[in-house]
């Protein structure tokens, strides 16, 4: 990949930089503004609303501010009982209910862009009160769906428990993570066996039971009902995409482990992502040795930031012990050179600086790892698994899971990165720079229901990691994400080309592409989540019509009045 550096870039004054950043949704941590409702207005617009449930006006912002809605009505039930009362009120008055956690997502599964303030849409905040945590046994935990992953993993750690892998952001709510089959990065290393209570799949695969608000035909109202993992209906709720309201779950967990995380920035992309069978320090070789890898490849650079986790019961001599998460401050807090470049690109439409930004991000990582002694860290799993704060650079992201066999991982990575490099170079040759962030690659196992250690456990119907009935040999997923600043010209067109490549290359032969629910997909040349063929046909086909039909039918039966719905979900489940 060529490095088109721009030597004439000048640092701007600090005041300008701050203004530039404030204008960039990618660099601004947006906190929803909650305005207490006027009682008279609330009584007029939401008559007979359940007493004791506080109402307020709220803005909704997704992770990058691309989906926004101002002045929506919102509430924060104090317990599951109040949640039921709110849902029944919404049903009787023709409103829809949208559960909101941390809004750390990209896709329109919660709120669709353009939702007006007077729309009959009620946000239900889970993170305020639905946050209980108790041990059910030595291998299970009961958790409210509003609890954050950081709080959950901290609680588990205090009891000697943990998970094999988890998403990097600690601010995700558990309910939000389960709704979209959130995952980490882990497959078994050579000779490694799964520990009891653990999974190499998504967090949804750890669920033993869940409690949701569902329609009761006999009673003629919505009620709380608990579903065990061995019940058919539970399979649809394990990854429900916002078509349900889950208030509490019981998760299978296992003994905590100490993890070592070694970061490297000295392996060329051509070597790491080489064709299968190549000698050298390939991604597949690191998977074989450690089982847990993540590659972050900044645009227009040659050396990815590679993280390799390995199980290490005792601290290696060269490792630094870490006692808390978020050990990459140069990533969590935007470095000044990166901030200045982002500000200039957004404010002056200087998108040609993408190669400079890519190299600045690489330099920040390479130098930051050394300066903060973070290139080799060790400690309880939580402290190396969680490493993204809300203060990180906010970028938009597409996302896909490619299901295949373990021995084909390097082939998938080599084919994808080769195509990505070729197209990015071709765009740059035309003076177009659609990507200014990074490619991120992770590898996980699939959702094997046997990991729940419950007889008759069902696989999540709509998890991207659901095993394929047609290809039972597939045991691995390669997760592929491309990150870029919101508003970057030609980004949608470029990402559409990538999507088309993935769908035609991994079409069910030796691999299959599924979308990553929380990210960007269904691209047109001008937008995202807007390709009718992908939304209406491709997505369901990637699961199989029988599986998709079972999920859709179950969710409709549990919510026949479509209280848990929005315009995008209508298109997806039409």
Protein backbone atom coordinates (compact mmCIF):
# COMPACT_ATOMS: atom_id res chain seq x y z
CA UNK A 1 0.00 0.00 0.00
CA UNK A 2 1.39 3.40 -0.92
CA UNK A 3 2.11 6.04 1.71
CA UNK A 4 0.98 9.37 0.31
CA UNK A 5 2.20 11.60 3.10
CA UNK A 6 1.48 15.32 3.00
CA UNK A 7 4.50 17.18 4.27
CA UNK A 8 2.76 20.54 4.15
CA UNK A 9 0.37 19.73 7.00
CA UNK A 10 0.66 22.40 9.67
CA UNK A 11 -0.48 22.16 13.26
CA UNK A 12 -3.36 24.45 13.90
CA UNK A 13 -3.81 26.55 16.98
CA UNK A 14 -5.37 24.71 19.97
CA UNK A 15 -8.58 26.73 19.82
CA UNK A 16 -9.14 25.77 16.20
CA UNK A 17 -8.44 22.14 17.01
CA UNK A 18 -11.01 22.11 19.78
CA UNK A 19 -13.62 23.64 17.48
CA UNK A 20 -12.79 21.10 14.82
CA UNK A 21 -13.18 18.24 17.22
CA UNK A 22 -16.47 19.58 18.52
CA UNK A 23 -17.74 19.54 14.97
CA UNK A 24 -16.68 15.94 14.50
CA UNK A 25 -19.14 13.33 15.69
CA UNK A 26 -16.32 10.83 15.53
CA UNK A 27 -14.30 12.53 18.23
CA UNK A 28 -17.06 13.69 20.54
CA UNK A 29 -18.46 11.55 23.33
CA UNK A 30 -22.15 12.41 23.19
CA UNK A 31 -24.01 12.10 26.47
CA UNK A 32 -27.82 12.04 26.13
CA UNK A 33 -29.44 15.11 27.62
CA UNK A 34 -32.19 14.14 30.03
CA UNK A 35 -34.80 16.79 30.71
CA UNK A 36 -37.34 16.16 33.45
CA UNK A 37 -40.82 16.09 32.00
CA UNK A 38 -43.34 18.78 32.81
CA UNK A 39 -46.14 16.92 34.67
CA UNK A 40 -48.88 18.72 32.80
CA UNK A 41 -47.30 18.02 29.42
CA UNK A 42 -46.70 14.39 30.35
CA UNK A 43 -50.31 13.95 31.49
CA UNK A 44 -51.55 15.40 28.21
CA UNK A 45 -49.27 13.51 25.84
CA UNK A 46 -48.94 10.26 27.79
CA UNK A 47 -52.30 9.91 29.56
CA UNK A 48 -52.59 7.24 32.26
CA UNK A 49 -48.85 6.53 32.22
CA UNK A 50 -47.94 4.15 35.07
CA UNK A 51 -47.60 6.00 38.35
CA UNK A 52 -44.18 5.92 39.93
CA UNK A 53 -42.28 5.65 36.65
CA UNK A 54 -40.44 8.91 36.08
CA UNK A 55 -40.75 10.44 32.61
CA UNK A 56 -38.35 12.74 30.89
CA UNK A 57 -37.41 14.05 27.47
CA UNK A 58 -34.26 12.57 26.01
CA UNK A 59 -32.03 12.77 22.98
CA UNK A 60 -30.86 9.57 21.34
CA UNK A 61 -27.41 9.38 19.75
CA UNK A 62 -25.78 6.25 18.44
CA UNK A 63 -22.03 5.72 18.84
CA UNK A 64 -20.96 8.11 16.08
CA UNK A 65 -23.94 10.46 16.01
CA UNK A 66 -25.08 9.30 12.57
CA UNK A 67 -28.46 8.27 13.99
CA UNK A 68 -29.98 10.95 16.15
CA UNK A 69 -33.37 11.82 17.59
CA UNK A 70 -34.15 14.74 19.88
CA UNK A 71 -36.82 15.18 22.49
CA UNK A 72 -38.15 11.64 22.61
CA UNK A 73 -40.10 10.52 25.64
CA UNK A 74 -38.11 8.22 27.89
CA UNK A 75 -38.42 6.47 31.23
CA UNK A 76 -36.30 4.37 33.55
CA UNK A 77 -38.28 1.56 35.23
CA UNK A 78 -36.96 0.73 38.67
CA UNK A 79 -37.65 -2.98 38.30
CA UNK A 80 -39.04 -5.60 35.95
CA UNK A 81 -42.58 -5.03 37.22
CA UNK A 82 -42.49 -1.41 36.17
CA UNK A 83 -41.12 -2.51 32.79
CA UNK A 84 -44.22 -4.67 32.27
CA UNK A 85 -46.51 -1.79 33.24
CA UNK A 86 -44.75 0.51 30.76
CA UNK A 87 -45.03 -2.04 27.93
CA UNK A 88 -48.74 -2.61 28.59
CA UNK A 89 -49.32 1.13 28.59
CA UNK A 90 -47.49 1.41 25.25
CA UNK A 91 -49.56 -1.41 23.74
CA UNK A 92 -52.87 0.10 24.84
CA UNK A 93 -51.94 3.56 23.55
CA UNK A 94 -50.36 2.59 20.25
CA UNK A 95 -46.76 3.36 21.17
CA UNK A 96 -43.59 1.41 20.53
CA UNK A 97 -40.95 0.68 23.16
CA UNK A 98 -37.23 0.81 22.44
CA UNK A 99 -34.83 -0.47 25.10
CA UNK A 100 -31.76 1.74 25.46
CA UNK A 101 -28.52 0.85 27.20
CA UNK A 102 -25.33 2.75 26.39
CA UNK A 103 -26.23 3.35 22.72
CA UNK A 104 -22.78 2.00 21.82
CA UNK A 105 -23.76 0.75 18.39
CA UNK A 106 -24.02 1.82 14.78
CA UNK A 107 -27.06 0.17 13.19
CA UNK A 108 -30.70 1.37 13.42
CA UNK A 109 -31.90 -1.51 15.58
CA UNK A 110 -32.93 0.84 18.40
CA UNK A 111 -33.99 4.10 16.74
CA UNK A 112 -34.09 4.98 13.05
CA UNK A 113 -32.68 8.22 11.69
CA UNK A 114 -35.28 10.95 11.29
CA UNK A 115 -37.54 9.81 14.12
CA UNK A 116 -39.39 13.03 15.09
CA UNK A 117 -39.72 14.19 18.69
CA UNK A 118 -43.50 13.72 18.58
CA UNK A 119 -43.30 10.13 17.39
CA UNK A 120 -45.04 7.59 19.65
CA UNK A 121 -41.69 6.05 20.56
CA UNK A 122 -40.77 5.50 24.19
CA UNK A 123 -37.15 4.91 25.18
CA UNK A 124 -36.79 2.58 28.16
CA UNK A 125 -33.46 3.07 29.90
CA UNK A 126 -32.21 -0.17 31.35
CA UNK A 127 -28.90 1.11 32.70
CA UNK A 128 -30.41 3.18 35.52
CA UNK A 129 -31.98 0.43 37.61
CA UNK A 130 -31.95 -2.99 35.93
CA UNK A 131 -28.44 -3.65 37.16
CA UNK A 132 -28.68 -6.38 39.79
CA UNK A 133 -25.88 -8.94 40.15
CA UNK A 134 -26.02 -12.09 42.25
CA UNK A 135 -24.35 -15.48 42.11
CA UNK A 136 -26.81 -18.28 41.40
CA UNK A 137 -24.17 -20.93 42.00
CA UNK A 138 -20.45 -21.42 41.69
CA UNK A 139 -20.87 -21.52 37.91
CA UNK A 140 -23.72 -19.12 37.14
CA UNK A 141 -24.63 -15.49 37.72
CA UNK A 142 -27.98 -13.68 37.61
CA UNK A 143 -27.66 -10.24 36.03
CA UNK A 144 -29.95 -7.38 35.13
CA UNK A 145 -29.67 -6.44 31.48
CA UNK A 146 -28.77 -2.84 32.26
CA UNK A 147 -25.50 -3.80 33.94
CA UNK A 148 -22.36 -2.88 32.01
CA UNK A 149 -19.90 -5.51 30.89
CA UNK A 150 -17.23 -3.89 33.05
CA UNK A 151 -19.43 -4.14 36.14
CA UNK A 152 -20.34 -7.74 35.30
CA UNK A 153 -16.75 -8.85 34.72
CA UNK A 154 -15.59 -7.01 37.85
CA UNK A 155 -18.23 -8.81 39.90
CA UNK A 156 -17.22 -12.15 38.43
CA UNK A 157 -13.54 -11.47 39.06
CA UNK A 158 -14.25 -10.76 42.71
CA UNK A 159 -15.69 -14.28 42.93
CA UNK A 160 -12.91 -16.00 41.01
CA UNK A 161 -14.99 -16.24 37.83
CA UNK A 162 -14.70 -14.92 34.30
CA UNK A 163 -15.28 -15.48 30.59
CA UNK A 164 -12.99 -16.62 27.79
CA UNK A 165 -13.56 -13.54 25.64
CA UNK A 166 -15.60 -10.35 25.66
CA UNK A 167 -16.09 -7.21 23.55
CA UNK A 168 -13.44 -4.55 24.13
CA UNK A 169 -15.75 -1.70 25.29
CA UNK A 170 -16.62 -2.00 28.97
CA UNK A 171 -19.52 0.46 28.72
CA UNK A 172 -21.77 -1.92 26.76
CA UNK A 173 -24.83 -3.03 28.67
CA UNK A 174 -25.34 -6.75 28.97
CA UNK A 175 -28.77 -6.53 27.37
CA UNK A 176 -27.42 -4.65 24.38
CA UNK A 177 -24.55 -7.10 24.00
CA UNK A 178 -26.85 -10.11 24.07
CA UNK A 179 -29.32 -8.54 21.63
CA UNK A 180 -26.68 -8.52 18.89
CA UNK A 181 -24.55 -11.60 19.87
CA UNK A 182 -21.54 -9.55 21.02
CA UNK A 183 -18.24 -11.41 20.91
CA UNK A 184 -14.57 -11.16 21.69
CA UNK A 185 -11.64 -12.91 20.02
CA UNK A 186 -10.87 -16.51 20.93
CA UNK A 187 -10.49 -19.99 19.51
CA UNK A 188 -8.67 -22.85 21.22
CA UNK A 189 -4.91 -22.80 20.84
CA UNK A 190 -3.09 -26.01 19.93
CA UNK A 191 -3.74 -28.50 22.73
CA UNK A 192 -6.15 -26.20 24.58
CA UNK A 193 -9.46 -27.52 25.84
CA UNK A 194 -12.49 -25.46 26.72
CA UNK A 195 -12.82 -24.91 30.45
CA UNK A 196 -16.17 -25.72 32.11
CA UNK A 197 -18.48 -22.72 32.04
CA UNK A 198 -16.70 -21.08 29.11
CA UNK A 199 -17.38 -20.66 25.38
CA UNK A 200 -15.41 -19.58 22.33
CA UNK A 201 -18.64 -18.22 20.84
CA UNK A 202 -20.72 -15.14 21.62
CA UNK A 203 -21.95 -13.99 25.02
CA UNK A 204 -25.42 -15.17 23.98
CA UNK A 205 -24.08 -18.72 24.09
CA UNK A 206 -23.56 -18.40 27.86
CA UNK A 207 -27.24 -17.80 28.65
CA UNK A 208 -28.92 -20.45 30.81
CA UNK A 209 -32.25 -18.64 31.12
CA UNK A 210 -33.69 -15.20 30.47
CA UNK A 211 -36.70 -13.22 31.61
CA UNK A 212 -38.54 -11.15 29.02
CA UNK A 213 -41.71 -9.12 28.65
CA UNK A 214 -43.92 -11.12 26.30
CA UNK A 215 -47.56 -11.32 25.25
CA UNK A 216 -49.81 -13.67 27.20
CA UNK A 217 -52.76 -14.66 25.03
CA UNK A 218 -54.77 -16.06 27.89
CA UNK A 219 -54.41 -12.99 30.04
CA UNK A 220 -54.72 -10.52 27.19
CA UNK A 221 -51.68 -8.51 28.30
CA UNK A 222 -47.90 -8.45 28.34
CA UNK A 223 -46.31 -10.32 31.24
CA UNK A 224 -42.92 -11.37 32.53
CA UNK A 225 -41.93 -14.86 31.56
CA UNK A 226 -38.73 -16.79 32.18
CA UNK A 227 -37.42 -18.98 29.35
CA UNK A 228 -34.93 -21.79 29.90
CA UNK A 229 -32.19 -22.36 27.34
CA UNK A 230 -33.74 -25.71 26.41
CA UNK A 231 -37.05 -24.09 25.37
CA UNK A 232 -37.62 -23.51 21.67
CA UNK A 233 -38.81 -19.92 22.17
CA UNK A 234 -35.64 -19.03 24.05
CA UNK A 235 -33.59 -19.60 20.90
CA UNK A 236 -35.19 -16.55 19.26
CA UNK A 237 -34.65 -14.34 22.30
CA UNK A 238 -30.96 -15.13 22.76
CA UNK A 239 -30.15 -12.68 19.93
CA UNK A 240 -33.35 -10.72 19.38
CA UNK A 241 -32.08 -7.58 17.57
CA UNK A 242 -34.32 -5.29 19.61
CA UNK A 243 -37.53 -7.23 18.88
CA UNK A 244 -37.95 -8.01 22.59
CA UNK A 245 -37.36 -6.55 26.04
CA UNK A 246 -35.25 -8.82 28.23
CA UNK A 247 -34.94 -7.70 31.84
CA UNK A 248 -32.73 -10.34 33.43
CA UNK A 249 -30.54 -13.31 32.46
CA UNK A 250 -28.72 -16.16 34.12
CA UNK A 251 -25.32 -16.82 32.56
CA UNK A 252 -23.06 -19.85 32.72
CA UNK A 253 -19.57 -18.77 33.81
CA UNK A 254 -16.36 -20.53 34.74
CA UNK A 255 -13.17 -20.15 36.67
CA UNK A 256 -11.31 -16.95 35.86
CA UNK A 257 -7.98 -17.13 34.07
CA UNK A 258 -4.96 -14.89 33.90
CA UNK A 259 -4.20 -13.68 30.40
CA UNK A 260 -1.04 -12.31 28.88
CA UNK A 261 -1.50 -9.84 26.02
CA UNK A 262 1.50 -9.15 23.81
CA UNK A 263 1.28 -6.35 21.23
CA UNK A 264 3.47 -6.20 18.14
CA UNK A 265 3.80 -3.56 15.45
CA UNK A 266 6.74 -5.03 13.55
CA UNK A 267 5.11 -7.69 11.35
CA UNK A 268 4.35 -6.45 7.80
CA UNK A 269 0.80 -6.88 6.57
CA UNK A 270 2.16 -8.86 3.64
CA UNK A 271 3.55 -11.43 6.06
CA UNK A 272 0.74 -11.46 8.64
CA UNK A 273 -1.98 -11.72 5.98
CA UNK A 274 -0.01 -13.87 3.52
CA UNK A 275 -1.60 -16.58 1.39
CA UNK A 276 -2.17 -19.89 3.19
CA UNK A 277 0.86 -22.13 3.30
CA UNK A 278 3.28 -19.22 3.53
CA UNK A 279 6.14 -19.33 5.95
CA UNK A 280 6.52 -16.57 8.48
CA UNK A 281 4.55 -14.91 11.22
CA UNK A 282 1.06 -15.38 9.79
CA UNK A 283 -2.22 -14.81 11.59
CA UNK A 284 -2.92 -18.55 11.44
CA UNK A 285 0.39 -19.29 13.12
CA UNK A 286 -0.46 -16.95 16.00
CA UNK A 287 -3.89 -18.57 16.28
CA UNK A 288 -2.28 -21.98 16.53
CA UNK A 289 0.10 -20.83 19.25
CA UNK A 290 -2.24 -18.68 21.36
CA UNK A 291 -5.82 -18.91 20.03
CA UNK A 292 -6.63 -15.25 20.72
CA UNK A 293 -5.63 -12.57 18.24
CA UNK A 294 -6.73 -9.19 16.97
CA UNK A 295 -5.15 -7.28 14.09
CA UNK A 296 -5.70 -3.52 13.73
CA UNK A 297 -4.40 -2.33 10.36
CA UNK A 298 -4.44 1.45 9.97
CA UNK A 299 -5.21 2.71 6.47
CA UNK A 300 -2.21 3.37 4.21
CA UNK A 301 0.28 1.73 6.58
CA UNK A 302 2.17 -1.53 6.26
CA UNK A 303 2.53 -2.74 9.85
CA UNK A 304 -0.66 -3.73 11.73
CA UNK A 305 -1.00 -3.52 15.48
CA UNK A 306 -1.29 -7.18 16.43
CA UNK A 307 -2.57 -8.23 19.86
CA UNK A 308 -2.02 -11.82 20.95
CA UNK A 309 -3.61 -13.09 24.17
CA UNK A 310 -2.51 -16.34 25.77
CA UNK A 311 -3.49 -18.17 28.93
CA UNK A 312 -0.73 -17.67 31.52
CA UNK A 313 -1.46 -18.87 35.06
CA UNK A 314 1.63 -17.10 36.40
CA UNK A 315 3.16 -13.79 35.35
CA UNK A 316 5.81 -14.15 32.64
CA UNK A 317 9.09 -12.52 33.54
CA UNK A 318 8.84 -9.79 30.89
CA UNK A 319 5.17 -8.95 31.42
CA UNK A 320 3.82 -5.98 33.37
CA UNK A 321 1.12 -6.87 35.89
CA UNK A 322 -2.12 -4.92 35.32
CA UNK A 323 -4.76 -4.59 38.00
CA UNK A 324 -7.39 -2.67 36.03
CA UNK A 325 -8.62 -2.54 32.41
CA UNK A 326 -8.03 0.09 29.69
CA UNK A 327 -4.26 -0.16 29.49
CA UNK A 328 -3.80 1.69 26.20
CA UNK A 329 -4.26 5.38 27.13
CA UNK A 330 -2.89 6.47 23.74
CA UNK A 331 -5.91 4.74 22.19
CA UNK A 332 -8.54 5.71 24.76
CA UNK A 333 -7.61 9.40 24.64
CA UNK A 334 -7.07 10.84 21.17
CA UNK A 335 -3.43 11.99 20.83
CA UNK A 336 -2.96 15.61 19.80
CA UNK A 337 -1.50 14.90 16.33
CA UNK A 338 -4.39 12.56 15.55
CA UNK A 339 -6.94 15.03 16.93
CA UNK A 340 -5.53 17.85 14.84
CA UNK A 341 -5.64 15.77 11.67
CA UNK A 342 -9.20 14.65 12.34
CA UNK A 343 -10.23 18.25 12.99
CA UNK A 344 -8.70 19.44 9.75
CA UNK A 345 -10.13 16.59 7.68
CA UNK A 346 -13.65 17.18 8.96
CA UNK A 347 -13.67 20.98 9.06
CA UNK A 348 -11.73 21.63 5.84
CA UNK A 349 -12.85 18.51 3.96
CA UNK A 350 -9.16 17.61 3.75
CA UNK A 351 -9.86 13.94 3.20
CA UNK A 352 -6.62 13.57 1.24
CA UNK A 353 -4.88 13.54 4.62
CA UNK A 354 -6.09 9.97 5.20
CA UNK A 355 -2.58 8.50 4.64
CA UNK A 356 -1.13 11.00 7.11
CA UNK A 357 -3.81 10.12 9.66
CA UNK A 358 -3.20 6.41 9.20
CA UNK A 359 0.50 6.83 9.84
CA UNK A 360 -0.19 9.10 12.82
CA UNK A 361 -2.44 6.43 14.34
CA UNK A 362 0.18 3.78 13.75
CA UNK A 363 2.89 5.98 15.31
CA UNK A 364 0.66 6.68 18.32
CA UNK A 365 0.18 2.94 18.84
CA UNK A 366 3.80 1.92 18.26
CA UNK A 367 5.23 4.67 20.45
CA UNK A 368 2.44 4.49 23.00
CA UNK A 369 2.96 0.79 23.64
CA UNK A 370 6.56 1.52 24.56
CA UNK A 371 5.91 4.71 26.51
CA UNK A 372 3.19 3.14 28.65
CA UNK A 373 4.89 -0.26 29.06
CA UNK A 374 1.79 -1.86 27.53
CA UNK A 375 3.36 -4.05 24.87
CA UNK A 376 3.41 -7.03 27.25
CA UNK A 377 0.79 -7.03 29.99
CA UNK A 378 -0.60 -9.74 32.27
CA UNK A 379 -3.40 -10.06 34.79
CA UNK A 380 -6.94 -11.33 35.42
CA UNK A 381 -8.83 -11.70 32.14
CA UNK A 382 -10.94 -8.55 32.51
CA UNK A 383 -7.88 -6.33 32.63
CA UNK A 384 -6.64 -7.31 29.20
CA UNK A 385 -9.99 -8.02 27.51
CA UNK A 386 -11.46 -4.54 28.15
CA UNK A 387 -9.51 -1.81 26.41
CA UNK A 388 -11.89 0.70 24.76
CA UNK A 389 -13.34 3.70 26.58
CA UNK A 390 -16.01 6.12 25.30
CA UNK A 391 -13.23 8.71 24.90
CA UNK A 392 -11.65 6.84 22.00
CA UNK A 393 -11.84 8.23 18.45
CA UNK A 394 -15.38 7.68 17.26
CA UNK A 395 -15.57 6.18 13.80
CA UNK A 396 -18.21 4.42 11.79
CA UNK A 397 -17.69 0.72 11.08
CA UNK A 398 -18.98 -1.98 8.80
CA UNK A 399 -18.97 -5.55 10.05
CA UNK A 400 -19.23 -9.15 8.86
CA UNK A 401 -18.60 -12.65 10.16
CA UNK A 402 -17.23 -15.19 7.70
CA UNK A 403 -17.98 -18.74 8.86
CA UNK A 404 -15.51 -21.40 7.75
CA UNK A 405 -13.23 -24.16 9.03
CA UNK A 406 -10.26 -23.40 11.22
CA UNK A 407 -7.78 -24.42 8.52
CA UNK A 408 -9.26 -21.88 6.09
CA UNK A 409 -8.88 -18.80 8.30
CA UNK A 410 -5.65 -17.66 6.66
CA UNK A 411 -7.23 -18.01 3.21
CA UNK A 412 -10.17 -15.79 4.21
CA UNK A 413 -7.86 -13.18 5.70
CA UNK A 414 -5.48 -13.24 2.72
CA UNK A 415 -8.27 -12.90 0.15
CA UNK A 416 -10.03 -10.12 2.00
CA UNK A 417 -6.95 -8.03 2.78
CA UNK A 418 -5.65 -8.41 -0.77
CA UNK A 419 -8.93 -7.13 -2.20
CA UNK A 420 -9.11 -4.32 0.37
CA UNK A 421 -5.57 -3.20 -0.37
CA UNK A 422 -6.14 -3.25 -4.13
CA UNK A 423 -9.36 -1.25 -3.97
CA UNK A 424 -8.01 1.29 -1.48
CA UNK A 425 -4.98 1.88 -3.69
CA UNK A 426 -7.19 2.20 -6.78
CA UNK A 427 -9.34 4.82 -5.04
CA UNK A 428 -6.27 6.72 -3.85
CA UNK A 429 -4.91 6.78 -7.39
CA UNK A 430 -8.08 8.70 -8.31
CA UNK A 431 -7.58 11.12 -5.42
CA UNK A 432 -10.27 9.46 -3.34
CA UNK A 433 -9.69 8.34 0.25
CA UNK A 434 -12.76 6.47 1.53
CA UNK A 435 -11.04 4.90 4.56
CA UNK A 436 -9.11 6.86 7.18
CA UNK A 437 -9.46 4.47 10.11
CA UNK A 438 -8.43 0.83 10.17
CA UNK A 439 -9.28 -2.73 9.29
CA UNK A 440 -9.92 -4.87 12.37
CA UNK A 441 -9.75 -8.66 12.22
CA UNK A 442 -10.77 -11.06 15.00
CA UNK A 443 -11.37 -14.81 15.06
CA UNK A 444 -13.84 -16.69 17.26
CA UNK A 445 -15.48 -20.04 17.63
CA UNK A 446 -19.16 -20.65 16.91
CA UNK A 447 -22.10 -20.85 19.31
CA UNK A 448 -22.04 -24.49 20.34
CA UNK A 449 -25.05 -24.90 22.69
CA UNK A 450 -23.27 -27.73 24.50
CA UNK A 451 -21.07 -25.05 26.09
CA UNK A 452 -24.05 -24.04 28.24
CA UNK A 453 -23.82 -27.48 29.90
CA UNK A 454 -27.61 -27.78 29.97
CA UNK A 455 -29.32 -30.77 28.41
CA UNK A 456 -31.32 -29.75 25.37
CA UNK A 457 -29.84 -26.26 25.15
CA UNK A 458 -30.71 -24.48 21.88
CA UNK A 459 -28.35 -22.49 19.68
CA UNK A 460 -29.26 -18.81 19.26
CA UNK A 461 -31.32 -18.62 16.08
CA UNK A 462 -30.10 -15.22 14.90
CA UNK A 463 -26.55 -15.15 16.18
CA UNK A 464 -24.04 -14.62 13.39
CA UNK A 465 -22.14 -17.45 15.11
CA UNK A 466 -24.99 -19.94 14.80
CA UNK A 467 -23.56 -23.20 13.40
CA UNK A 468 -24.59 -24.09 9.85
CA UNK A 469 -26.72 -27.20 9.40
CA UNK A 470 -25.49 -27.50 5.81
CA UNK A 471 -21.84 -27.25 6.85
CA UNK A 472 -21.36 -28.86 10.26
CA UNK A 473 -17.61 -28.83 9.62
CA UNK A 474 -17.53 -25.05 9.97
CA UNK A 475 -16.23 -24.29 13.45
CA UNK A 476 -14.74 -20.79 13.18
CA UNK A 477 -15.72 -17.23 12.28
CA UNK A 478 -13.45 -14.50 10.96
CA UNK A 479 -14.79 -11.06 11.91
CA UNK A 480 -13.94 -8.27 9.46
CA UNK A 481 -14.53 -4.57 10.17
CA UNK A 482 -13.49 -1.43 8.30
CA UNK A 483 -13.51 1.85 10.24
CA UNK A 484 -13.63 5.39 8.87
CA UNK A 485 -14.76 8.84 10.00
CA UNK A 486 -18.46 9.65 9.54
CA UNK A 487 -19.10 11.69 6.43
CA UNK A 488 -15.99 10.51 4.57
CA UNK A 489 -16.66 10.93 0.82
CA UNK A 490 -16.92 7.72 -1.22
CA UNK A 491 -16.97 5.59 1.95
CA UNK A 492 -20.37 4.04 1.23
CA UNK A 493 -19.44 3.23 -2.36
CA UNK A 494 -16.16 1.65 -1.24
CA UNK A 495 -17.82 -0.34 1.54
CA UNK A 496 -20.50 -1.51 -0.88
CA UNK A 497 -17.76 -2.94 -3.10
CA UNK A 498 -16.26 -4.72 -0.08
CA UNK A 499 -19.66 -6.07 0.91
CA UNK A 500 -20.32 -7.37 -2.59
CA UNK A 501 -16.91 -9.02 -2.60
CA UNK A 502 -17.60 -10.77 0.70
CA UNK A 503 -21.05 -11.95 -0.35
CA UNK A 504 -19.91 -13.40 -3.67
CA UNK A 505 -16.60 -14.84 -2.40
CA UNK A 506 -17.97 -16.45 0.75
CA UNK A 507 -21.32 -17.58 -0.59
CA UNK A 508 -21.59 -20.96 1.10
CA UNK A 509 -18.87 -22.85 -0.73
CA UNK A 510 -15.98 -23.08 1.70
CA UNK A 511 -17.24 -20.14 3.77
CA UNK A 512 -20.36 -18.02 4.36
CA UNK A 513 -20.75 -14.31 5.06
CA UNK A 514 -23.19 -13.06 7.68
CA UNK A 515 -23.65 -9.46 8.75
CA UNK A 516 -22.52 -8.16 12.12
CA UNK A 517 -25.78 -6.82 13.53
CA UNK A 518 -24.45 -3.79 15.40
CA UNK A 519 -22.27 -2.47 12.55
CA UNK A 520 -22.78 -1.13 9.01
CA UNK A 521 -24.09 -3.35 6.18
CA UNK A 522 -26.59 -3.31 3.29
CA UNK A 523 -24.69 -0.52 1.55
CA UNK A 524 -25.73 1.43 -1.50
CA UNK A 525 -23.42 3.87 -3.26
CA UNK A 526 -24.81 6.67 -1.12
CA UNK A 527 -25.92 5.11 2.13
CA UNK A 528 -25.99 2.21 4.56
CA UNK A 529 -28.73 -0.17 5.79
CA UNK A 530 -30.56 0.63 2.57
CA UNK A 531 -29.88 -2.15 0.05
CA UNK A 532 -33.24 -3.88 -0.37
CA UNK A 533 -31.72 -7.11 -1.64
CA UNK A 534 -29.38 -7.49 1.32
CA UNK A 535 -32.02 -6.52 3.86
CA UNK A 536 -34.86 -8.47 2.30
CA UNK A 537 -33.13 -11.59 0.96
CA UNK A 538 -29.40 -11.95 1.60
CA UNK A 539 -29.48 -11.68 5.38
CA UNK A 540 -32.21 -14.27 5.88
CA UNK A 541 -30.60 -16.60 3.32
CA UNK A 542 -27.33 -16.56 5.28
CA UNK A 543 -29.16 -18.28 8.14
CA UNK A 544 -31.47 -20.42 6.04
CA UNK A 545 -35.14 -19.73 5.44
CA UNK A 546 -36.28 -22.28 8.02
CA UNK A 547 -34.15 -20.75 10.80
CA UNK A 548 -35.07 -17.21 9.85
CA UNK A 549 -38.76 -18.09 9.63
CA UNK A 550 -38.69 -19.77 13.04
CA UNK A 551 -37.05 -16.72 14.61
CA UNK A 552 -39.40 -14.25 12.96
CA UNK A 553 -42.46 -16.32 13.82
CA UNK A 554 -41.45 -16.69 17.45
CA UNK A 555 -40.73 -12.99 17.90
CA UNK A 556 -44.07 -12.11 16.28
CA UNK A 557 -45.93 -14.53 18.53
CA UNK A 558 -44.26 -13.18 21.67
CA UNK A 559 -44.97 -9.62 20.53
CA UNK A 560 -47.98 -9.79 18.15
CA UNK A 561 -48.74 -6.09 18.55
CA UNK A 562 -45.21 -5.12 17.46
CA UNK A 563 -44.61 -3.01 20.55
CA UNK A 564 -40.89 -3.78 20.22
CA UNK A 565 -40.43 -2.53 16.70
CA UNK A 566 -39.26 0.24 14.41
CA UNK A 567 -39.31 0.97 10.68
CA UNK A 568 -35.98 -0.75 10.01
CA UNK A 569 -36.96 -3.93 11.85
CA UNK A 570 -40.17 -3.94 9.80
CA UNK A 571 -38.07 -4.09 6.65
CA UNK A 572 -35.78 -6.77 8.06
CA UNK A 573 -38.58 -9.05 9.27
CA UNK A 574 -41.14 -8.34 6.56
